[in-house]
Each structure stands twice: as structure tokens, then as C-alpha cells.
């Protein structure tokens, strides 16, 4: 297996995403890979009566500007670590944007955070990490936030 040339790290400003970024920075430095970050945001379109538009025209530009500001902050740790890389700001559902960019890069894994939802929350909300795992054309490293490690440590040994 050749060394990875790129690592793709989705950003969503959660502790899970930040921890995945920490792992990806470590891996990228170890193998000399570029680190790519992706922020995907999908515009919710509220229901409207036929022939009416409820979303103000300037909303879409404002929303993209705000996403860009958040994403600039999310990419700064990559620059601070002295790594090469690129940012991808995409107007699409996260799992589609992540897997599409992974296909374009086709040279390394995805490192992403996961919340570890279970039960009804998982059924209703789903999991971007799970859907990415299903559709990704490459290996996917999932990383839990530190607060979830403590909960895992409290599980009975037989359930681990």
C-alpha cells in the first residue's frame, strides 16, 4: 500500500469534528499528506404555498458568507500545523459532499467525528458518519469526542 497523499476531514464545529481534525493532523504530518477540509451545508427549504416564495433573496448569499466565515476558522489549525491542503465549501448534504470530494481526491482516507447516537435519535436523525461509511470510496476513520470515552468506559466488560 502506498502512503496516503491526502486526508479529508469534514468540519461541523463539534467537539467530535475537532478531535477528528487533531487525529488527521497527526496522521498527515506522519505520512507527509495534504489535509483537505470540507464544510457542507444544505439549505433547508421551508414549505410554501404554490406560487409563493418564503425565502428572502439575500438569504442564500448571507448564509454562504456565514458558512465561509465558520469554515475559515475551521481550516486555520491546518495552516497552523504547517500542512499543505485545501478547503472545500459545498452547498449540499454532508454525506454527498464528503463522498464526492473523496472520489475526486481518490488518494486517501476520510477522518471524521461521530456523535455515536443510538436508539430513537439515530432512527430519526440518522448519522452522517454512518451514511458516509456506506458510500465512501475509501477508508473512513471515525473519532469520538472525549466525553463519549468516559461513557464507554462505564459499560460492562461483556458489552465492549
N, C-alpha and C. Protein backbone atom coordinates (compact mmCIF):
# COMPACT_ATOMS: atom_id res chain seq x y z
N UNK A 1 0.85 -1.18 0.00
CA UNK A 1 0.00 0.00 0.00
C UNK A 1 0.89 1.24 0.00
N UNK A 2 0.59 2.15 -0.89
CA UNK A 2 1.32 3.42 -0.93
C UNK A 2 0.88 4.29 0.24
N UNK A 3 1.75 5.22 0.60
CA UNK A 3 1.40 6.18 1.66
C UNK A 3 0.26 7.06 1.19
N UNK A 4 -0.56 7.45 2.11
CA UNK A 4 -1.66 8.35 1.77
C UNK A 4 -1.11 9.70 1.34
N UNK A 5 -1.67 10.24 0.29
CA UNK A 5 -1.25 11.57 -0.17
C UNK A 5 -2.19 12.66 0.30
N UNK A 6 -3.42 12.28 0.63
CA UNK A 6 -4.38 13.27 1.14
C UNK A 6 -5.18 12.65 2.28
N UNK A 7 -5.67 13.52 3.13
CA UNK A 7 -6.64 13.15 4.16
C UNK A 7 -7.78 14.15 4.05
N UNK A 8 -9.00 13.66 4.10
CA UNK A 8 -10.18 14.53 4.02
C UNK A 8 -10.85 14.55 5.38
N UNK A 9 -11.08 15.76 5.90
CA UNK A 9 -11.67 15.91 7.22
C UNK A 9 -12.88 16.83 7.14
N UNK A 10 -14.09 16.29 7.29
CA UNK A 10 -15.28 17.15 7.33
C UNK A 10 -15.27 18.03 8.57
N UNK A 11 -15.82 19.22 8.43
CA UNK A 11 -15.90 20.18 9.55
C UNK A 11 -17.35 20.47 9.87
N UNK A 12 -17.67 20.47 11.16
CA UNK A 12 -19.01 20.90 11.57
C UNK A 12 -18.99 21.64 12.91
N UNK A 13 -17.81 22.02 13.37
CA UNK A 13 -17.63 22.81 14.60
C UNK A 13 -18.03 22.07 15.87
N UNK A 14 -18.16 20.76 15.81
CA UNK A 14 -18.48 19.99 17.01
C UNK A 14 -17.19 19.49 17.65
N UNK A 15 -17.24 19.11 18.93
CA UNK A 15 -16.05 18.54 19.57
C UNK A 15 -15.58 17.27 18.85
N UNK A 16 -16.52 16.52 18.28
CA UNK A 16 -16.19 15.29 17.56
C UNK A 16 -15.36 15.62 16.31
N UNK A 17 -15.78 16.64 15.60
CA UNK A 17 -15.09 17.07 14.39
C UNK A 17 -13.70 17.61 14.72
N UNK A 18 -13.59 18.35 15.80
CA UNK A 18 -12.29 18.91 16.20
C UNK A 18 -11.33 17.80 16.61
N UNK A 19 -11.83 16.79 17.28
CA UNK A 19 -10.97 15.67 17.67
C UNK A 19 -10.51 14.89 16.44
N UNK A 20 -11.41 14.72 15.47
CA UNK A 20 -11.03 14.04 14.22
C UNK A 20 -9.94 14.85 13.51
N UNK A 21 -10.06 16.19 13.54
CA UNK A 21 -9.05 17.04 12.93
C UNK A 21 -7.70 16.85 13.62
N UNK A 22 -7.69 16.76 14.95
CA UNK A 22 -6.44 16.53 15.67
C UNK A 22 -5.77 15.23 15.21
N UNK A 23 -6.56 14.17 15.08
CA UNK A 23 -6.02 12.89 14.62
C UNK A 23 -5.51 13.01 13.19
N UNK A 24 -6.26 13.69 12.34
CA UNK A 24 -5.87 13.83 10.93
C UNK A 24 -4.59 14.65 10.79
N UNK A 25 -4.45 15.70 11.59
CA UNK A 25 -3.21 16.50 11.55
C UNK A 25 -2.02 15.62 11.93
N UNK A 26 -2.17 14.83 12.97
CA UNK A 26 -1.10 13.93 13.39
C UNK A 26 -0.74 12.96 12.25
N UNK A 27 -1.76 12.33 11.65
CA UNK A 27 -1.52 11.38 10.55
C UNK A 27 -0.89 12.07 9.34
N UNK A 28 -1.42 13.25 8.98
CA UNK A 28 -0.89 13.96 7.81
C UNK A 28 0.58 14.32 8.01
N UNK A 29 0.94 14.74 9.20
CA UNK A 29 2.35 15.04 9.47
C UNK A 29 3.20 13.78 9.39
N UNK A 30 2.67 12.67 9.89
CA UNK A 30 3.44 11.42 9.93
C UNK A 30 3.72 10.88 8.53
N UNK A 31 2.76 11.04 7.61
CA UNK A 31 2.94 10.46 6.27
C UNK A 31 3.20 11.51 5.20
N UNK A 32 3.25 12.79 5.58
CA UNK A 32 3.51 13.85 4.61
C UNK A 32 2.35 14.10 3.65
N UNK A 33 1.14 13.93 4.14
CA UNK A 33 -0.04 14.09 3.29
C UNK A 33 -0.60 15.51 3.34
N UNK A 34 -1.33 15.87 2.30
CA UNK A 34 -2.11 17.11 2.32
C UNK A 34 -3.36 16.86 3.14
N UNK A 35 -3.86 17.90 3.76
CA UNK A 35 -5.08 17.77 4.54
C UNK A 35 -6.16 18.65 3.92
N UNK A 36 -7.24 18.03 3.52
CA UNK A 36 -8.37 18.75 2.92
C UNK A 36 -9.52 18.77 3.92
N UNK A 37 -10.12 19.94 4.07
CA UNK A 37 -11.30 20.07 4.93
C UNK A 37 -12.50 20.36 4.06
N UNK A 38 -13.63 19.82 4.45
CA UNK A 38 -14.87 20.08 3.72
C UNK A 38 -15.94 20.52 4.72
N UNK A 39 -16.63 21.58 4.36
CA UNK A 39 -17.81 22.02 5.11
C UNK A 39 -18.96 21.99 4.14
N UNK A 40 -19.92 21.16 4.43
CA UNK A 40 -21.10 21.04 3.59
C UNK A 40 -22.28 21.62 4.35
N UNK A 41 -23.03 22.42 3.66
CA UNK A 41 -24.23 22.97 4.28
C UNK A 41 -25.34 22.89 3.24
N UNK A 42 -26.45 22.33 3.66
CA UNK A 42 -27.61 22.21 2.77
C UNK A 42 -28.65 23.22 3.22
N UNK A 43 -29.19 23.95 2.27
CA UNK A 43 -30.21 24.95 2.59
C UNK A 43 -31.54 24.27 2.84
N UNK A 44 -32.10 24.47 4.02
CA UNK A 44 -33.45 23.95 4.23
C UNK A 44 -34.44 24.81 3.45
N UNK A 45 -35.33 24.20 2.77
CA UNK A 45 -36.32 24.95 2.01
C UNK A 45 -37.67 24.73 2.69
N UNK A 46 -38.19 25.77 3.34
CA UNK A 46 -39.46 25.61 4.05
C UNK A 46 -40.60 25.40 3.05
N UNK A 47 -41.64 24.69 3.47
CA UNK A 47 -42.79 24.51 2.57
C UNK A 47 -43.47 25.85 2.33
N UNK A 48 -43.92 26.05 1.12
CA UNK A 48 -44.59 27.29 0.75
C UNK A 48 -45.81 26.95 -0.09
N UNK A 49 -46.83 27.78 -0.01
CA UNK A 49 -47.99 27.56 -0.87
C UNK A 49 -47.56 27.67 -2.34
N UNK A 50 -48.25 26.98 -3.23
CA UNK A 50 -47.88 27.04 -4.65
C UNK A 50 -47.80 28.48 -5.15
N UNK A 51 -46.71 28.78 -5.84
CA UNK A 51 -46.55 30.10 -6.43
C UNK A 51 -45.95 31.14 -5.49
N UNK A 52 -45.68 30.78 -4.24
CA UNK A 52 -45.10 31.73 -3.29
C UNK A 52 -43.71 31.30 -2.88
N UNK A 53 -42.87 32.28 -2.62
CA UNK A 53 -41.51 32.02 -2.14
C UNK A 53 -41.38 32.67 -0.77
N UNK A 54 -40.99 31.87 0.21
CA UNK A 54 -40.90 32.38 1.58
C UNK A 54 -39.48 32.77 1.98
N UNK A 55 -38.50 32.45 1.15
CA UNK A 55 -37.11 32.73 1.49
C UNK A 55 -36.68 34.04 0.84
N UNK A 56 -36.22 35.01 1.64
CA UNK A 56 -35.76 36.27 1.05
C UNK A 56 -34.58 36.04 0.10
N UNK A 57 -34.51 36.82 -0.94
CA UNK A 57 -33.47 36.65 -1.96
C UNK A 57 -32.06 36.77 -1.39
N UNK A 58 -31.84 37.67 -0.43
CA UNK A 58 -30.48 37.85 0.09
C UNK A 58 -30.10 36.78 1.13
N UNK A 59 -31.03 35.90 1.48
CA UNK A 59 -30.74 34.87 2.47
C UNK A 59 -29.62 33.94 2.03
N UNK A 60 -29.67 33.46 0.80
CA UNK A 60 -28.70 32.47 0.33
C UNK A 60 -27.28 33.03 0.36
N UNK A 61 -27.07 34.27 -0.05
CA UNK A 61 -25.74 34.87 -0.01
C UNK A 61 -25.26 35.05 1.42
N UNK A 62 -26.14 35.49 2.30
CA UNK A 62 -25.80 35.69 3.70
C UNK A 62 -25.43 34.35 4.34
N UNK A 63 -26.20 33.33 4.04
CA UNK A 63 -25.94 32.00 4.59
C UNK A 63 -24.57 31.48 4.14
N UNK A 64 -24.26 31.65 2.87
CA UNK A 64 -22.96 31.19 2.36
C UNK A 64 -21.82 31.99 2.99
N UNK A 65 -22.01 33.29 3.16
CA UNK A 65 -20.97 34.11 3.79
C UNK A 65 -20.70 33.65 5.23
N UNK A 66 -21.76 33.36 5.96
CA UNK A 66 -21.62 32.89 7.34
C UNK A 66 -20.91 31.53 7.37
N UNK A 67 -21.28 30.64 6.46
CA UNK A 67 -20.62 29.33 6.38
C UNK A 67 -19.14 29.53 6.05
N UNK A 68 -18.83 30.46 5.16
CA UNK A 68 -17.44 30.73 4.80
C UNK A 68 -16.63 31.23 5.98
N UNK A 69 -17.22 32.11 6.80
CA UNK A 69 -16.52 32.61 7.99
C UNK A 69 -16.25 31.47 8.99
N UNK A 70 -17.26 30.62 9.20
CA UNK A 70 -17.08 29.49 10.11
C UNK A 70 -16.00 28.54 9.59
N UNK A 71 -16.01 28.36 8.28
CA UNK A 71 -15.08 27.41 7.69
C UNK A 71 -13.66 27.93 7.70
N UNK A 72 -13.49 29.23 7.53
CA UNK A 72 -12.14 29.82 7.60
C UNK A 72 -11.52 29.52 8.96
N UNK A 73 -12.32 29.64 10.00
CA UNK A 73 -11.83 29.32 11.34
C UNK A 73 -11.53 27.82 11.48
N UNK A 74 -12.32 26.99 10.81
CA UNK A 74 -12.12 25.54 10.88
C UNK A 74 -10.87 25.09 10.14
N UNK A 75 -10.40 25.87 9.16
CA UNK A 75 -9.22 25.49 8.39
C UNK A 75 -7.92 26.01 9.02
N UNK A 76 -8.01 26.99 9.89
CA UNK A 76 -6.81 27.59 10.45
C UNK A 76 -5.90 26.59 11.18
N UNK A 77 -6.41 25.56 11.89
CA UNK A 77 -5.48 24.60 12.51
C UNK A 77 -4.60 23.87 11.50
N UNK A 78 -5.09 23.67 10.29
CA UNK A 78 -4.30 23.01 9.24
C UNK A 78 -3.11 23.90 8.88
N UNK A 79 -3.38 25.18 8.69
CA UNK A 79 -2.33 26.15 8.36
C UNK A 79 -1.35 26.27 9.53
N UNK A 80 -1.88 26.37 10.75
CA UNK A 80 -1.04 26.49 11.94
C UNK A 80 -0.11 25.29 12.11
N UNK A 81 -0.56 24.11 11.65
CA UNK A 81 0.26 22.90 11.76
C UNK A 81 1.31 22.82 10.66
N UNK A 82 1.29 23.78 9.73
CA UNK A 82 2.27 23.80 8.66
C UNK A 82 2.00 22.80 7.56
N UNK A 83 0.75 22.38 7.44
CA UNK A 83 0.39 21.39 6.42
C UNK A 83 -0.11 22.05 5.15
N UNK A 84 0.11 21.37 4.05
CA UNK A 84 -0.49 21.79 2.78
C UNK A 84 -1.91 21.24 2.77
N UNK A 85 -2.76 21.89 2.01
CA UNK A 85 -4.12 21.40 1.92
C UNK A 85 -5.03 22.37 1.22
N UNK A 86 -6.28 22.07 1.27
CA UNK A 86 -7.27 22.89 0.59
C UNK A 86 -8.59 22.79 1.33
N UNK A 87 -9.36 23.85 1.24
CA UNK A 87 -10.69 23.82 1.84
C UNK A 87 -11.74 23.69 0.74
N UNK A 88 -12.84 23.03 1.08
CA UNK A 88 -13.94 22.82 0.15
C UNK A 88 -15.22 23.23 0.85
N UNK A 89 -15.84 24.29 0.39
CA UNK A 89 -17.11 24.77 0.93
C UNK A 89 -18.18 24.39 -0.08
N UNK A 90 -19.11 23.49 0.31
CA UNK A 90 -20.04 22.89 -0.63
C UNK A 90 -21.48 23.07 -0.16
N UNK A 91 -22.34 23.49 -1.06
CA UNK A 91 -23.76 23.61 -0.78
C UNK A 91 -24.45 22.30 -1.18
N UNK A 92 -24.42 21.34 -0.26
CA UNK A 92 -25.03 20.04 -0.50
C UNK A 92 -25.16 19.34 0.85
N UNK A 93 -25.88 18.24 0.88
CA UNK A 93 -25.98 17.45 2.11
C UNK A 93 -24.60 16.87 2.42
N UNK A 94 -24.21 16.85 3.70
CA UNK A 94 -22.85 16.46 4.06
C UNK A 94 -22.38 15.13 3.49
N UNK A 95 -23.19 14.08 3.62
CA UNK A 95 -22.69 12.77 3.17
C UNK A 95 -22.44 12.74 1.66
N UNK A 96 -23.21 13.48 0.88
CA UNK A 96 -22.99 13.54 -0.57
C UNK A 96 -21.73 14.34 -0.89
N UNK A 97 -21.59 15.49 -0.22
CA UNK A 97 -20.42 16.34 -0.47
C UNK A 97 -19.13 15.62 -0.06
N UNK A 98 -19.14 14.98 1.08
CA UNK A 98 -17.94 14.30 1.58
C UNK A 98 -17.52 13.19 0.62
N UNK A 99 -18.46 12.33 0.23
CA UNK A 99 -18.09 11.22 -0.64
C UNK A 99 -17.71 11.68 -2.03
N UNK A 100 -18.32 12.74 -2.53
CA UNK A 100 -17.95 13.25 -3.86
C UNK A 100 -16.53 13.81 -3.86
N UNK A 101 -16.18 14.57 -2.83
CA UNK A 101 -14.82 15.11 -2.77
C UNK A 101 -13.81 13.98 -2.56
N UNK A 102 -14.18 12.97 -1.77
CA UNK A 102 -13.29 11.81 -1.59
C UNK A 102 -13.05 11.12 -2.93
N UNK A 103 -14.07 11.02 -3.76
CA UNK A 103 -13.89 10.42 -5.10
C UNK A 103 -12.94 11.27 -5.95
N UNK A 104 -13.09 12.59 -5.87
CA UNK A 104 -12.23 13.47 -6.64
C UNK A 104 -10.77 13.34 -6.19
N UNK A 105 -10.54 13.26 -4.89
CA UNK A 105 -9.18 13.16 -4.37
C UNK A 105 -8.60 11.78 -4.61
N UNK A 106 -9.37 10.76 -4.36
CA UNK A 106 -9.04 9.34 -4.57
C UNK A 106 -7.63 8.93 -4.14
N UNK A 107 -7.10 9.57 -3.13
CA UNK A 107 -5.73 9.25 -2.72
C UNK A 107 -5.57 9.07 -1.21
N UNK A 108 -6.65 9.00 -0.47
CA UNK A 108 -6.51 8.85 0.96
C UNK A 108 -7.83 8.71 1.66
N UNK A 109 -7.77 8.51 2.96
CA UNK A 109 -8.98 8.26 3.74
C UNK A 109 -9.70 9.53 4.19
N UNK A 110 -10.86 9.31 4.76
CA UNK A 110 -11.65 10.35 5.40
C UNK A 110 -11.51 10.16 6.90
N UNK A 111 -11.27 11.22 7.65
CA UNK A 111 -11.25 11.17 9.11
C UNK A 111 -12.36 12.08 9.59
N UNK A 112 -13.34 11.52 10.29
CA UNK A 112 -14.47 12.34 10.69
C UNK A 112 -14.95 11.99 12.09
N UNK A 113 -15.54 12.97 12.73
CA UNK A 113 -16.10 12.76 14.05
C UNK A 113 -17.43 12.07 13.97
N UNK A 114 -17.79 11.40 15.06
CA UNK A 114 -19.10 10.77 15.15
C UNK A 114 -19.67 11.01 16.53
N UNK A 115 -20.94 11.26 16.59
CA UNK A 115 -21.61 11.52 17.87
C UNK A 115 -22.02 10.23 18.55
N UNK A 116 -22.11 9.15 17.82
CA UNK A 116 -22.48 7.87 18.43
C UNK A 116 -23.92 7.84 18.89
N UNK A 117 -24.81 8.46 18.15
CA UNK A 117 -26.23 8.43 18.53
C UNK A 117 -26.74 7.00 18.48
N UNK A 118 -27.67 6.70 19.38
CA UNK A 118 -28.28 5.38 19.39
C UNK A 118 -29.78 5.55 19.54
N UNK A 119 -30.49 4.46 19.41
CA UNK A 119 -31.92 4.45 19.67
C UNK A 119 -32.72 5.36 18.76
N UNK A 120 -33.70 6.04 19.36
CA UNK A 120 -34.62 6.88 18.62
C UNK A 120 -33.91 8.04 17.92
N UNK A 121 -32.91 8.65 18.57
CA UNK A 121 -32.18 9.76 17.95
C UNK A 121 -31.52 9.31 16.66
N UNK A 122 -30.94 8.12 16.67
CA UNK A 122 -30.29 7.60 15.46
C UNK A 122 -31.32 7.30 14.37
N UNK A 123 -32.46 6.76 14.79
CA UNK A 123 -33.51 6.43 13.83
C UNK A 123 -34.08 7.69 13.19
N UNK A 124 -34.32 8.73 13.98
CA UNK A 124 -34.95 9.95 13.46
C UNK A 124 -33.97 10.86 12.73
N UNK A 125 -32.79 11.05 13.30
CA UNK A 125 -31.83 11.99 12.75
C UNK A 125 -30.87 11.30 11.79
N UNK A 126 -30.54 10.07 12.07
CA UNK A 126 -29.57 9.37 11.23
C UNK A 126 -28.17 9.79 11.60
N UNK A 127 -27.23 9.35 10.84
CA UNK A 127 -25.84 9.65 11.13
C UNK A 127 -25.11 9.95 9.84
N UNK A 128 -24.53 11.15 9.76
CA UNK A 128 -23.72 11.50 8.59
C UNK A 128 -22.54 10.53 8.49
N UNK A 129 -21.94 10.19 9.65
CA UNK A 129 -20.80 9.27 9.64
C UNK A 129 -21.22 7.91 9.08
N UNK A 130 -22.37 7.42 9.51
CA UNK A 130 -22.82 6.11 9.03
C UNK A 130 -23.10 6.13 7.53
N UNK A 131 -23.77 7.17 7.07
CA UNK A 131 -24.05 7.25 5.63
C UNK A 131 -22.77 7.44 4.83
N UNK A 132 -21.82 8.18 5.38
CA UNK A 132 -20.53 8.33 4.70
C UNK A 132 -19.80 6.99 4.62
N UNK A 133 -19.83 6.24 5.71
CA UNK A 133 -19.21 4.91 5.71
C UNK A 133 -19.80 4.03 4.61
N UNK A 134 -21.09 4.12 4.41
CA UNK A 134 -21.76 3.28 3.40
C UNK A 134 -21.37 3.65 1.98
N UNK A 135 -21.18 4.95 1.71
CA UNK A 135 -20.99 5.41 0.34
C UNK A 135 -19.55 5.80 -0.01
N UNK A 136 -18.68 5.88 0.96
CA UNK A 136 -17.31 6.37 0.71
C UNK A 136 -16.53 5.40 -0.16
N UNK A 137 -15.74 5.94 -1.08
CA UNK A 137 -14.92 5.11 -1.95
C UNK A 137 -13.55 4.78 -1.34
N UNK A 138 -13.37 5.08 -0.05
CA UNK A 138 -12.07 4.94 0.59
C UNK A 138 -12.26 4.59 2.06
N UNK A 139 -11.19 4.30 2.78
CA UNK A 139 -11.32 4.03 4.22
C UNK A 139 -11.84 5.27 4.96
N UNK A 140 -12.58 5.03 6.04
CA UNK A 140 -13.12 6.12 6.86
C UNK A 140 -12.73 5.85 8.32
N UNK A 141 -12.03 6.82 8.91
CA UNK A 141 -11.66 6.77 10.31
C UNK A 141 -12.68 7.60 11.07
N UNK A 142 -13.40 6.98 12.02
CA UNK A 142 -14.35 7.75 12.82
C UNK A 142 -13.77 7.94 14.21
N UNK A 143 -13.99 9.14 14.75
CA UNK A 143 -13.41 9.53 16.03
C UNK A 143 -14.50 10.06 16.93
N UNK A 144 -14.54 9.54 18.16
CA UNK A 144 -15.50 10.03 19.14
C UNK A 144 -14.88 11.18 19.94
N UNK A 145 -15.74 12.03 20.48
CA UNK A 145 -15.26 13.10 21.35
C UNK A 145 -14.88 12.52 22.71
N UNK A 146 -14.01 13.20 23.45
CA UNK A 146 -13.55 12.68 24.74
C UNK A 146 -14.68 12.37 25.72
N UNK A 147 -15.76 13.14 25.73
CA UNK A 147 -16.84 12.90 26.67
C UNK A 147 -17.50 11.55 26.44
N UNK A 148 -17.45 11.04 25.23
CA UNK A 148 -18.03 9.73 24.95
C UNK A 148 -17.12 8.60 25.44
N UNK A 149 -15.82 8.86 25.54
CA UNK A 149 -14.90 7.84 26.03
C UNK A 149 -15.26 7.46 27.46
N UNK A 150 -15.59 8.44 28.27
CA UNK A 150 -15.94 8.16 29.67
C UNK A 150 -17.18 7.28 29.75
N UNK A 151 -18.18 7.54 28.91
CA UNK A 151 -19.39 6.73 28.91
C UNK A 151 -19.07 5.30 28.47
N UNK A 152 -18.20 5.14 27.51
CA UNK A 152 -17.81 3.82 27.04
C UNK A 152 -17.11 3.06 28.14
N UNK A 153 -16.27 3.72 28.90
CA UNK A 153 -15.53 3.07 29.98
C UNK A 153 -16.44 2.55 31.09
N UNK A 154 -17.64 3.10 31.21
CA UNK A 154 -18.57 2.67 32.25
C UNK A 154 -19.40 1.46 31.82
N UNK A 155 -19.34 1.06 30.55
CA UNK A 155 -20.10 -0.10 30.08
C UNK A 155 -19.54 -1.38 30.71
N UNK A 156 -20.43 -2.34 30.98
CA UNK A 156 -19.92 -3.62 31.47
C UNK A 156 -18.98 -4.25 30.46
N UNK A 157 -17.99 -4.95 30.94
CA UNK A 157 -16.96 -5.56 30.10
C UNK A 157 -17.58 -6.42 29.00
N UNK A 158 -18.68 -7.11 29.28
CA UNK A 158 -19.29 -8.04 28.33
C UNK A 158 -19.90 -7.31 27.11
N UNK A 159 -20.17 -6.00 27.22
CA UNK A 159 -20.78 -5.28 26.10
C UNK A 159 -19.77 -4.58 25.22
N UNK A 160 -18.52 -4.60 25.58
CA UNK A 160 -17.48 -3.92 24.80
C UNK A 160 -17.03 -4.75 23.65
